[in-house]
N, C-alpha and C. Protein backbone atom coordinates (compact mmCIF):
# COMPACT_ATOMS: atom_id res chain seq x y z
N UNK A 1 0.82 -1.19 0.00
CA UNK A 1 0.00 0.00 0.00
C UNK A 1 0.87 1.25 0.00
N UNK A 2 1.97 1.21 0.80
CA UNK A 2 2.88 2.33 0.87
C UNK A 2 3.55 2.56 -0.48
N UNK A 3 3.91 1.48 -1.15
CA UNK A 3 4.54 1.56 -2.46
C UNK A 3 3.59 2.18 -3.47
N UNK A 4 2.32 1.80 -3.39
CA UNK A 4 1.32 2.34 -4.30
C UNK A 4 1.19 3.85 -4.15
N UNK A 5 1.17 4.36 -2.90
CA UNK A 5 1.08 5.79 -2.64
C UNK A 5 2.32 6.51 -3.17
N UNK A 6 3.47 5.91 -2.99
CA UNK A 6 4.72 6.49 -3.48
C UNK A 6 4.71 6.55 -5.00
N UNK A 7 4.21 5.51 -5.65
CA UNK A 7 4.12 5.47 -7.11
C UNK A 7 3.17 6.55 -7.62
N UNK A 8 2.02 6.75 -6.98
CA UNK A 8 1.05 7.77 -7.37
C UNK A 8 1.67 9.16 -7.22
N UNK A 9 2.39 9.39 -6.12
CA UNK A 9 3.04 10.69 -5.91
C UNK A 9 4.09 10.95 -6.97
N UNK A 10 4.89 9.94 -7.31
CA UNK A 10 5.93 10.08 -8.33
C UNK A 10 5.31 10.36 -9.69
N UNK A 11 4.22 9.65 -10.01
CA UNK A 11 3.54 9.86 -11.29
C UNK A 11 2.95 11.27 -11.36
N UNK A 12 2.37 11.74 -10.28
CA UNK A 12 1.81 13.09 -10.23
C UNK A 12 2.90 14.14 -10.44
N UNK A 13 4.05 13.98 -9.77
CA UNK A 13 5.16 14.92 -9.90
C UNK A 13 5.70 14.92 -11.32
N UNK A 14 5.83 13.76 -11.94
CA UNK A 14 6.34 13.67 -13.31
C UNK A 14 5.37 14.32 -14.28
N UNK A 15 4.07 14.15 -14.07
CA UNK A 15 3.06 14.77 -14.94
C UNK A 15 3.11 16.28 -14.82
N UNK A 16 3.25 16.78 -13.61
CA UNK A 16 3.30 18.23 -13.39
C UNK A 16 4.51 18.84 -14.07
N UNK A 17 5.66 18.14 -14.02
CA UNK A 17 6.88 18.68 -14.63
C UNK A 17 6.79 18.67 -16.15
N UNK A 18 6.24 17.63 -16.76
CA UNK A 18 6.17 17.56 -18.22
C UNK A 18 5.09 18.45 -18.78
N UNK A 19 4.03 18.71 -18.01
CA UNK A 19 2.96 19.59 -18.51
C UNK A 19 3.48 21.00 -18.71
N UNK A 20 4.39 21.43 -17.85
CA UNK A 20 4.96 22.77 -17.98
C UNK A 20 5.80 22.90 -19.23
N UNK A 21 6.43 21.83 -19.65
CA UNK A 21 7.29 21.87 -20.85
C UNK A 21 6.47 21.94 -22.13
N UNK A 22 5.25 21.40 -22.11
CA UNK A 22 4.43 21.36 -23.31
C UNK A 22 3.75 22.69 -23.61
N UNK A 23 3.73 23.60 -22.65
CA UNK A 23 3.03 24.86 -22.82
C UNK A 23 3.98 25.89 -23.44
N UNK A 24 3.52 26.57 -24.49
CA UNK A 24 4.33 27.60 -25.11
C UNK A 24 4.19 28.89 -24.33
N UNK A 25 5.26 29.67 -24.23
CA UNK A 25 5.16 30.93 -23.50
C UNK A 25 4.23 31.90 -24.22
N UNK A 26 3.54 32.74 -23.43
CA UNK A 26 2.63 33.73 -24.01
C UNK A 26 3.43 34.75 -24.80
N UNK A 27 2.89 35.20 -25.91
CA UNK A 27 3.58 36.21 -26.71
C UNK A 27 3.42 37.56 -26.06
N UNK A 28 4.40 38.41 -26.21
CA UNK A 28 4.41 39.73 -25.60
C UNK A 28 3.63 40.70 -26.47
N UNK A 29 2.77 41.51 -25.87
CA UNK A 29 1.97 42.49 -26.60
C UNK A 29 2.78 43.73 -26.98
N UNK A 30 4.08 43.77 -26.67
CA UNK A 30 4.88 44.96 -26.91
C UNK A 30 5.48 45.01 -28.32
N UNK A 31 5.07 44.12 -29.21
CA UNK A 31 5.60 44.12 -30.56
C UNK A 31 5.25 45.41 -31.29
N UNK A 32 6.07 45.78 -32.26
CA UNK A 32 5.80 46.95 -33.08
C UNK A 32 5.29 46.47 -34.44
N UNK A 33 4.21 47.03 -34.91
CA UNK A 33 3.62 46.64 -36.18
C UNK A 33 4.36 47.35 -37.31
N UNK A 34 4.86 46.60 -38.25
CA UNK A 34 5.60 47.18 -39.37
C UNK A 34 4.74 47.37 -40.61
N UNK A 35 3.70 46.57 -40.80
CA UNK A 35 2.87 46.70 -41.98
C UNK A 35 1.46 46.24 -41.66
N UNK A 36 0.54 46.47 -42.59
CA UNK A 36 -0.85 46.10 -42.34
C UNK A 36 -1.04 44.59 -42.35
N UNK A 37 -0.05 43.83 -42.85
CA UNK A 37 -0.16 42.39 -42.86
C UNK A 37 0.10 41.77 -41.49
N UNK A 38 0.77 42.51 -40.62
CA UNK A 38 1.06 42.00 -39.29
C UNK A 38 -0.09 42.32 -38.34
N UNK A 39 -0.17 41.57 -37.29
CA UNK A 39 -1.23 41.79 -36.30
C UNK A 39 -1.00 43.10 -35.56
N UNK A 40 -2.10 43.82 -35.34
CA UNK A 40 -2.03 45.04 -34.55
C UNK A 40 -1.86 44.68 -33.09
N UNK A 41 -1.27 45.56 -32.34
CA UNK A 41 -1.18 45.37 -30.91
C UNK A 41 -1.78 46.58 -30.22
N UNK A 42 -2.17 46.39 -28.98
CA UNK A 42 -2.72 47.50 -28.21
C UNK A 42 -1.67 48.57 -27.99
N UNK A 43 -0.40 48.16 -27.88
CA UNK A 43 0.69 49.12 -27.67
C UNK A 43 0.85 50.03 -28.88
N UNK A 44 0.74 49.47 -30.08
CA UNK A 44 0.94 50.30 -31.28
C UNK A 44 -0.22 51.26 -31.51
N UNK A 45 -1.40 50.95 -30.99
CA UNK A 45 -2.55 51.84 -31.16
C UNK A 45 -2.68 52.88 -30.06
N UNK A 46 -2.10 52.62 -28.89
CA UNK A 46 -2.26 53.50 -27.73
C UNK A 46 -1.85 54.93 -28.09
N UNK A 47 -2.71 55.87 -27.72
CA UNK A 47 -2.44 57.28 -27.98
C UNK A 47 -3.61 57.93 -28.70
N UNK A 48 -3.39 59.16 -29.13
CA UNK A 48 -4.44 59.92 -29.81
C UNK A 48 -4.16 59.97 -31.30
N UNK A 49 -5.21 59.72 -32.07
CA UNK A 49 -5.15 59.71 -33.53
C UNK A 49 -6.09 60.79 -34.05
N UNK A 50 -5.61 61.63 -34.96
CA UNK A 50 -6.41 62.71 -35.52
C UNK A 50 -6.96 62.28 -36.87
N UNK A 51 -8.27 62.47 -37.05
CA UNK A 51 -8.90 62.11 -38.31
C UNK A 51 -8.49 63.06 -39.43
N UNK A 52 -8.17 62.49 -40.58
CA UNK A 52 -7.79 63.28 -41.75
C UNK A 52 -9.04 63.75 -42.49
N UNK A 53 -10.04 62.90 -42.53
CA UNK A 53 -11.30 63.20 -43.21
C UNK A 53 -12.39 62.34 -42.57
N UNK A 54 -13.62 62.64 -42.82
CA UNK A 54 -14.69 61.80 -42.31
C UNK A 54 -15.38 62.34 -41.08
N UNK A 55 -16.19 61.49 -40.46
CA UNK A 55 -17.02 61.93 -39.34
C UNK A 55 -16.36 61.73 -37.97
N UNK A 56 -15.24 61.01 -37.93
CA UNK A 56 -14.52 60.85 -36.67
C UNK A 56 -13.36 61.84 -36.68
N UNK A 57 -13.44 62.85 -35.80
CA UNK A 57 -12.40 63.88 -35.75
C UNK A 57 -11.14 63.39 -35.05
N UNK A 58 -11.31 62.60 -33.99
CA UNK A 58 -10.15 62.03 -33.29
C UNK A 58 -10.56 60.78 -32.54
N UNK A 59 -9.58 59.90 -32.35
CA UNK A 59 -9.75 58.67 -31.57
C UNK A 59 -8.61 58.58 -30.58
N UNK A 60 -8.92 58.24 -29.34
CA UNK A 60 -7.88 58.03 -28.33
C UNK A 60 -8.03 56.62 -27.78
N UNK A 61 -6.98 55.82 -27.96
CA UNK A 61 -6.97 54.46 -27.47
C UNK A 61 -6.13 54.41 -26.20
N UNK A 62 -6.65 53.79 -25.14
CA UNK A 62 -5.92 53.67 -23.88
C UNK A 62 -5.60 52.21 -23.61
N UNK A 63 -4.85 51.97 -22.56
CA UNK A 63 -4.58 50.60 -22.10
C UNK A 63 -5.38 50.29 -20.84
N UNK A 64 -6.42 51.10 -20.58
CA UNK A 64 -7.29 50.85 -19.43
C UNK A 64 -8.30 49.76 -19.79
N UNK A 65 -8.34 48.70 -19.01
CA UNK A 65 -9.27 47.60 -19.27
C UNK A 65 -10.71 48.11 -19.13
N UNK A 66 -11.58 47.59 -20.00
CA UNK A 66 -12.99 47.98 -19.99
C UNK A 66 -13.82 46.83 -20.55
N UNK A 67 -15.11 46.86 -20.26
CA UNK A 67 -16.01 45.86 -20.84
C UNK A 67 -17.39 46.48 -21.04
N UNK A 68 -18.11 45.94 -22.02
CA UNK A 68 -19.45 46.42 -22.30
C UNK A 68 -20.43 45.69 -21.39
N UNK A 69 -21.66 46.19 -21.34
CA UNK A 69 -22.70 45.50 -20.57
C UNK A 69 -23.02 44.15 -21.20
N UNK A 70 -22.71 44.00 -22.50
CA UNK A 70 -22.94 42.74 -23.19
C UNK A 70 -21.83 41.72 -23.00
N UNK A 71 -20.73 42.11 -22.32
CA UNK A 71 -19.67 41.15 -22.02
C UNK A 71 -18.42 41.25 -22.87
N UNK A 72 -18.36 42.15 -23.86
CA UNK A 72 -17.15 42.30 -24.67
C UNK A 72 -16.07 42.92 -23.79
N UNK A 73 -14.92 42.25 -23.71
CA UNK A 73 -13.81 42.75 -22.90
C UNK A 73 -12.71 43.26 -23.81
N UNK A 74 -12.18 44.41 -23.46
CA UNK A 74 -11.11 45.01 -24.24
C UNK A 74 -10.52 46.18 -23.49
N UNK A 75 -10.33 47.28 -24.19
CA UNK A 75 -9.73 48.47 -23.61
C UNK A 75 -10.59 49.69 -23.95
N UNK A 76 -10.42 50.75 -23.18
CA UNK A 76 -11.23 51.95 -23.34
C UNK A 76 -10.74 52.80 -24.52
N UNK A 77 -11.70 53.35 -25.26
CA UNK A 77 -11.39 54.34 -26.29
C UNK A 77 -12.34 55.51 -26.11
N UNK A 78 -11.93 56.66 -26.62
CA UNK A 78 -12.84 57.81 -26.70
C UNK A 78 -12.68 58.40 -28.09
N UNK A 79 -13.75 59.00 -28.58
CA UNK A 79 -13.74 59.57 -29.93
C UNK A 79 -14.50 60.89 -29.95
N UNK A 80 -14.00 61.82 -30.73
CA UNK A 80 -14.73 63.05 -30.99
C UNK A 80 -15.32 62.89 -32.38
N UNK A 81 -16.66 62.95 -32.47
CA UNK A 81 -17.32 62.66 -33.74
C UNK A 81 -18.23 63.82 -34.15
N UNK A 82 -18.48 63.88 -35.45
CA UNK A 82 -19.38 64.87 -36.04
C UNK A 82 -20.81 64.46 -35.71
N UNK A 83 -21.59 65.40 -35.17
CA UNK A 83 -22.99 65.10 -34.83
C UNK A 83 -23.93 65.31 -36.01
N UNK A 84 -23.45 65.98 -37.04
CA UNK A 84 -24.32 66.29 -38.18
C UNK A 84 -25.04 67.61 -38.02
N UNK A 85 -24.89 68.28 -36.88
CA UNK A 85 -25.53 69.57 -36.63
C UNK A 85 -24.73 70.66 -37.35
N UNK A 86 -25.41 71.51 -38.11
CA UNK A 86 -24.77 72.63 -38.79
C UNK A 86 -25.42 73.91 -38.31
N UNK A 87 -24.59 74.86 -37.90
CA UNK A 87 -25.09 76.11 -37.34
C UNK A 87 -24.97 77.25 -38.35
N UNK A 88 -25.88 78.20 -38.24
CA UNK A 88 -25.85 79.38 -39.08
C UNK A 88 -25.03 80.48 -38.42
N UNK A 89 -25.13 80.58 -37.09
CA UNK A 89 -24.40 81.59 -36.34
C UNK A 89 -23.40 80.93 -35.39
N UNK A 90 -22.28 81.61 -35.17
CA UNK A 90 -21.28 81.13 -34.21
C UNK A 90 -21.62 81.68 -32.83
N UNK A 91 -21.25 81.11 -31.76
CA UNK A 91 -20.58 79.81 -31.65
C UNK A 91 -21.56 78.66 -31.84
N UNK A 92 -21.02 77.55 -32.26
CA UNK A 92 -21.82 76.36 -32.52
C UNK A 92 -21.34 75.24 -31.60
N UNK A 93 -22.06 75.00 -30.54
CA UNK A 93 -21.63 74.02 -29.55
C UNK A 93 -21.99 72.59 -29.92
N UNK A 94 -22.93 72.36 -30.79
CA UNK A 94 -23.41 71.01 -31.06
C UNK A 94 -22.84 70.33 -32.28
N UNK A 95 -21.77 70.86 -32.90
CA UNK A 95 -21.24 70.29 -34.14
C UNK A 95 -20.47 69.00 -33.90
N UNK A 96 -19.95 68.80 -32.69
CA UNK A 96 -19.24 67.56 -32.38
C UNK A 96 -19.53 67.15 -30.95
N UNK A 97 -19.28 65.88 -30.67
CA UNK A 97 -19.47 65.35 -29.32
C UNK A 97 -18.39 64.31 -29.05
N UNK A 98 -18.06 64.14 -27.78
CA UNK A 98 -17.09 63.13 -27.40
C UNK A 98 -17.82 61.95 -26.79
N UNK A 99 -17.49 60.76 -27.29
CA UNK A 99 -18.11 59.51 -26.84
C UNK A 99 -17.01 58.54 -26.42
N UNK A 100 -17.38 57.52 -25.66
CA UNK A 100 -16.38 56.53 -25.27
C UNK A 100 -16.99 55.14 -25.25
N UNK A 101 -16.12 54.15 -25.32
CA UNK A 101 -16.57 52.77 -25.33
C UNK A 101 -15.39 51.82 -25.20
N UNK A 102 -15.55 50.62 -25.74
CA UNK A 102 -14.56 49.55 -25.63
C UNK A 102 -14.06 49.19 -27.02
N UNK A 103 -12.74 49.03 -27.14
CA UNK A 103 -12.19 48.52 -28.40
C UNK A 103 -11.45 47.22 -28.14
N UNK A 104 -11.49 46.35 -29.14
CA UNK A 104 -10.81 45.05 -29.05
C UNK A 104 -10.12 44.81 -30.37
N UNK A 105 -8.89 44.33 -30.31
CA UNK A 105 -8.10 44.07 -31.51
C UNK A 105 -7.86 42.58 -31.64
N UNK A 106 -8.04 42.07 -32.86
CA UNK A 106 -7.76 40.67 -33.15
C UNK A 106 -7.13 40.62 -34.54
N UNK A 107 -5.81 40.51 -34.59
CA UNK A 107 -5.10 40.53 -35.87
C UNK A 107 -5.19 41.92 -36.48
N UNK A 108 -5.76 42.02 -37.68
CA UNK A 108 -5.95 43.32 -38.32
C UNK A 108 -7.41 43.75 -38.25
N UNK A 109 -8.17 43.13 -37.36
CA UNK A 109 -9.58 43.48 -37.17
C UNK A 109 -9.74 44.20 -35.83
N UNK A 110 -10.50 45.28 -35.83
CA UNK A 110 -10.78 46.02 -34.61
C UNK A 110 -12.28 46.14 -34.45
N UNK A 111 -12.75 45.96 -33.21
CA UNK A 111 -14.15 46.14 -32.89
C UNK A 111 -14.29 47.34 -31.97
N UNK A 112 -15.18 48.27 -32.34
CA UNK A 112 -15.54 49.40 -31.49
C UNK A 112 -16.95 49.15 -30.97
N UNK A 113 -17.12 49.20 -29.65
CA UNK A 113 -18.43 48.94 -29.05
C UNK A 113 -18.72 49.96 -27.96
N UNK A 114 -20.01 50.19 -27.72
CA UNK A 114 -20.46 51.11 -26.69
C UNK A 114 -20.58 50.35 -25.37
N UNK A 115 -20.42 51.07 -24.25
CA UNK A 115 -20.61 50.43 -22.95
C UNK A 115 -22.03 49.92 -22.81
N UNK A 116 -23.00 50.72 -23.28
CA UNK A 116 -24.41 50.34 -23.20
C UNK A 116 -25.10 50.84 -24.47
N UNK A 117 -26.36 51.17 -24.42
CA UNK A 117 -27.09 51.59 -25.61
C UNK A 117 -26.57 52.95 -26.11
N UNK A 118 -26.05 52.99 -27.34
CA UNK A 118 -25.48 54.23 -27.87
C UNK A 118 -26.52 55.15 -28.50
N UNK A 119 -26.14 56.41 -28.65
CA UNK A 119 -26.99 57.35 -29.39
C UNK A 119 -26.90 57.00 -30.87
N UNK A 120 -27.79 57.54 -31.66
CA UNK A 120 -27.80 57.25 -33.11
C UNK A 120 -26.51 57.73 -33.77
N UNK A 121 -25.99 58.88 -33.33
CA UNK A 121 -24.74 59.40 -33.89
C UNK A 121 -23.57 58.49 -33.56
N UNK A 122 -23.50 58.05 -32.32
CA UNK A 122 -22.43 57.16 -31.88
C UNK A 122 -22.53 55.81 -32.56
N UNK A 123 -23.73 55.32 -32.77
CA UNK A 123 -23.93 54.00 -33.38
C UNK A 123 -23.37 53.92 -34.79
N UNK A 124 -23.27 55.06 -35.48
CA UNK A 124 -22.72 55.07 -36.85
C UNK A 124 -21.27 54.60 -36.90
N UNK A 125 -20.51 54.85 -35.84
CA UNK A 125 -19.09 54.48 -35.88
C UNK A 125 -18.81 53.14 -35.21
N UNK A 126 -19.79 52.53 -34.57
CA UNK A 126 -19.57 51.26 -33.88
C UNK A 126 -19.59 50.10 -34.86
N UNK A 127 -18.84 49.05 -34.54
CA UNK A 127 -18.84 47.86 -35.37
C UNK A 127 -17.44 47.32 -35.58
N UNK A 128 -17.32 46.42 -36.54
CA UNK A 128 -16.05 45.79 -36.87
C UNK A 128 -15.37 46.54 -38.00
N UNK A 129 -14.06 46.71 -37.89
CA UNK A 129 -13.26 47.42 -38.88
C UNK A 129 -12.07 46.57 -39.29
N UNK A 130 -11.67 46.72 -40.55
CA UNK A 130 -10.39 46.19 -41.01
C UNK A 130 -9.42 47.35 -40.89
N UNK A 131 -8.26 47.11 -40.29
CA UNK A 131 -7.29 48.16 -40.05
C UNK A 131 -6.08 47.96 -40.93
N UNK A 132 -5.70 48.99 -41.67
CA UNK A 132 -4.48 48.98 -42.48
C UNK A 132 -3.55 50.04 -41.90
N UNK A 133 -2.29 49.69 -41.73
CA UNK A 133 -1.32 50.63 -41.16
C UNK A 133 -0.31 51.06 -42.22
N UNK A 134 0.27 52.24 -42.00
CA UNK A 134 1.30 52.76 -42.89
C UNK A 134 2.37 53.44 -42.05
N UNK A 135 3.55 53.57 -42.60
CA UNK A 135 4.64 54.32 -41.99
C UNK A 135 4.89 53.91 -40.55
N UNK A 136 5.12 52.61 -40.34
CA UNK A 136 5.41 52.09 -39.00
C UNK A 136 4.39 52.54 -37.97
N UNK A 137 3.14 52.45 -38.30
CA UNK A 137 1.99 52.74 -37.45
C UNK A 137 1.93 54.20 -37.01
N UNK A 138 2.18 55.12 -37.96
CA UNK A 138 1.90 56.53 -37.70
C UNK A 138 0.65 56.95 -38.44
N UNK A 139 0.17 56.08 -39.34
CA UNK A 139 -1.07 56.32 -40.06
C UNK A 139 -1.88 55.03 -40.07
N UNK A 140 -3.18 55.15 -39.85
CA UNK A 140 -4.05 53.98 -39.95
C UNK A 140 -5.27 54.32 -40.79
N UNK A 141 -5.80 53.30 -41.43
CA UNK A 141 -7.03 53.43 -42.21
C UNK A 141 -8.01 52.41 -41.66
N UNK A 142 -9.17 52.88 -41.20
CA UNK A 142 -10.21 52.00 -40.69
C UNK A 142 -11.29 51.87 -41.75
N UNK A 143 -11.60 50.66 -42.14
CA UNK A 143 -12.67 50.40 -43.10
C UNK A 143 -13.68 49.50 -42.41
N UNK A 144 -14.90 50.01 -42.24
CA UNK A 144 -15.94 49.23 -41.58
C UNK A 144 -16.24 48.00 -42.42
N UNK A 145 -16.45 46.86 -41.77
CA UNK A 145 -16.62 45.60 -42.49
C UNK A 145 -17.85 45.59 -43.39
N UNK A 146 -18.87 46.42 -43.09
CA UNK A 146 -20.03 46.48 -43.97
C UNK A 146 -19.85 47.51 -45.10
N UNK A 147 -18.69 48.17 -45.14
CA UNK A 147 -18.37 49.10 -46.21
C UNK A 147 -19.00 50.47 -46.10
N UNK A 148 -19.68 50.78 -45.00
CA UNK A 148 -20.38 52.05 -44.88
C UNK A 148 -19.49 53.20 -44.42
N UNK A 149 -18.28 52.91 -43.96
CA UNK A 149 -17.44 53.98 -43.41
C UNK A 149 -15.97 53.65 -43.60
N UNK A 150 -15.22 54.63 -44.09
CA UNK A 150 -13.76 54.53 -44.20
C UNK A 150 -13.18 55.80 -43.62
N UNK A 151 -12.25 55.65 -42.68
CA UNK A 151 -11.64 56.79 -42.00
C UNK A 151 -10.13 56.65 -42.02
N UNK A 152 -9.43 57.78 -42.21
CA UNK A 152 -7.96 57.82 -42.17
C UNK A 152 -7.52 58.65 -40.98
N UNK A 153 -6.46 58.18 -40.30
CA UNK A 153 -5.96 58.86 -39.11
C UNK A 153 -4.44 58.95 -39.13
N UNK A 154 -3.92 59.99 -38.48
CA UNK A 154 -2.49 60.11 -38.23
C UNK A 154 -2.29 60.18 -36.72
N UNK A 155 -1.20 59.60 -36.26
CA UNK A 155 -0.95 59.56 -34.82
C UNK A 155 -0.37 60.88 -34.36
N UNK A 156 -0.93 61.41 -33.26
CA UNK A 156 -0.42 62.64 -32.67
C UNK A 156 0.91 62.36 -31.98
N UNK A 157 1.78 63.36 -32.00
CA UNK A 157 3.07 63.22 -31.34
C UNK A 157 2.87 63.06 -29.84
N UNK A 158 3.66 62.20 -29.23
CA UNK A 158 3.54 61.93 -27.81
C UNK A 158 4.14 63.03 -26.95
N UNK A 159 5.03 63.83 -27.50
CA UNK A 159 5.71 64.85 -26.71
C UNK A 159 7.15 64.46 -26.44
N UNK A 160 7.93 65.43 -26.00
CA UNK A 160 9.35 65.23 -25.75
C UNK A 160 9.63 65.54 -24.28
N UNK A 161 10.35 64.65 -23.62
CA UNK A 161 10.71 64.88 -22.23
C UNK A 161 11.66 66.07 -22.14
N UNK A 162 11.42 66.93 -21.15
CA UNK A 162 12.23 68.13 -20.95
C UNK A 162 12.37 68.37 -19.45
N UNK A 163 13.43 67.84 -18.87
CA UNK A 163 13.57 67.95 -17.42
C UNK A 163 12.47 67.15 -16.74
N UNK A 164 11.67 67.81 -15.93
CA UNK A 164 10.56 67.13 -15.24
C UNK A 164 9.22 67.36 -15.93
N UNK A 165 9.23 67.99 -17.10
CA UNK A 165 8.00 68.25 -17.84
C UNK A 165 8.06 67.57 -19.21
N UNK A 166 7.01 67.68 -19.98
CA UNK A 166 6.96 67.13 -21.34
C UNK A 166 6.53 68.24 -22.28
N UNK A 167 7.30 68.44 -23.35
CA UNK A 167 6.94 69.43 -24.36
C UNK A 167 5.93 68.81 -25.30
N UNK A 168 4.84 69.49 -25.55
CA UNK A 168 3.78 68.99 -26.43
C UNK A 168 4.21 69.10 -27.88
N UNK A 169 3.38 68.56 -28.77
CA UNK A 169 3.65 68.60 -30.21
C UNK A 169 3.82 70.05 -30.65
N UNK A 170 4.80 70.31 -31.50
CA UNK A 170 5.07 71.65 -31.98
C UNK A 170 6.06 72.42 -31.11
N UNK A 171 6.47 71.82 -30.00
CA UNK A 171 7.44 72.45 -29.10
C UNK A 171 8.69 71.58 -29.02
N UNK A 172 9.82 72.20 -28.69
CA UNK A 172 11.03 71.44 -28.46
C UNK A 172 11.58 71.81 -27.09
N UNK A 173 12.41 70.94 -26.55
CA UNK A 173 13.01 71.18 -25.23
C UNK A 173 14.26 72.02 -25.44
N UNK A 174 14.21 73.28 -25.00
CA UNK A 174 15.36 74.15 -25.20
C UNK A 174 16.22 74.27 -23.95
N UNK A 175 15.67 74.00 -22.78
CA UNK A 175 16.45 74.07 -21.55
C UNK A 175 15.89 73.06 -20.53
N UNK A 176 16.43 71.83 -20.54
CA UNK A 176 15.90 70.81 -19.64
C UNK A 176 16.16 71.10 -18.16
N UNK A 177 17.20 71.87 -17.85
CA UNK A 177 17.48 72.19 -16.45
C UNK A 177 16.41 73.09 -15.86
N UNK A 178 15.81 73.94 -16.70
CA UNK A 178 14.78 74.86 -16.25
C UNK A 178 13.38 74.43 -16.70
N UNK A 179 13.27 73.25 -17.34
CA UNK A 179 11.99 72.72 -17.83
C UNK A 179 11.32 73.68 -18.80
N UNK A 180 12.09 74.23 -19.74
CA UNK A 180 11.56 75.22 -20.67
C UNK A 180 11.38 74.61 -22.06
N UNK A 181 10.17 74.72 -22.58
CA UNK A 181 9.84 74.31 -23.93
C UNK A 181 9.62 75.56 -24.77
N UNK A 182 9.95 75.48 -26.05
CA UNK A 182 9.77 76.63 -26.94
C UNK A 182 9.18 76.14 -28.25
N UNK A 183 8.43 77.01 -28.96
CA UNK A 183 7.90 76.62 -30.28
C UNK A 183 9.04 76.32 -31.25
N UNK A 184 8.85 75.31 -32.08
CA UNK A 184 9.87 74.94 -33.07
C UNK A 184 10.17 76.13 -33.96
N UNK A 185 11.45 76.39 -34.19
CA UNK A 185 11.86 77.50 -35.01
C UNK A 185 12.10 78.79 -34.24
N UNK A 186 11.74 78.80 -32.97
CA UNK A 186 11.94 80.00 -32.11
C UNK A 186 13.17 79.80 -31.25
N UNK A 187 13.77 80.93 -30.85
CA UNK A 187 14.93 80.86 -29.97
C UNK A 187 14.47 80.58 -28.54
N UNK A 188 15.35 80.00 -27.79
CA UNK A 188 15.05 79.65 -26.40
C UNK A 188 15.42 80.82 -25.48
N UNK A 189 14.52 81.09 -24.54
CA UNK A 189 14.85 82.11 -23.53
C UNK A 189 15.71 81.45 -22.47
N UNK A 190 16.69 82.15 -21.96
CA UNK A 190 17.61 81.56 -20.97
C UNK A 190 17.20 81.85 -19.61
């Protein structure tokens, strides 16, 4: 009986050790996408993208986990979209609105979904998209799978570190010791 227990323990230990060898390590999401043929990653999309044309003025993809009420799990996105409202007199507050939801990436396919029931304007941009990338993921083209929408975007500059601050797009770090940023092409104040 003692031998039987020892044999079972040895068999269990051997199974546990070989099971670990058969499992492939998880792939790292930190890959950089070089072309539209490669799979997109959340890292390559993270940041703000400005619309070149179309009804989506900007898209911001985050790495914050999110899920819809329907159970789709992914990451949070926000978008500034055209509402279709046209004003005769300025100021016009209703020409665009900011919406947010969940995005999920699978290869070169992206799904945009609302947390819950979307407005009619927001619903126009929701759905599955084929994503094509250009210039080492500084430009993307989203084509809705039903063919009703095609949008082009360029990635906004992330900024440049300058001492303890960050210079925004269009600025350069002229004095990191004093945390001074200046417009490109302008002289730096000392």
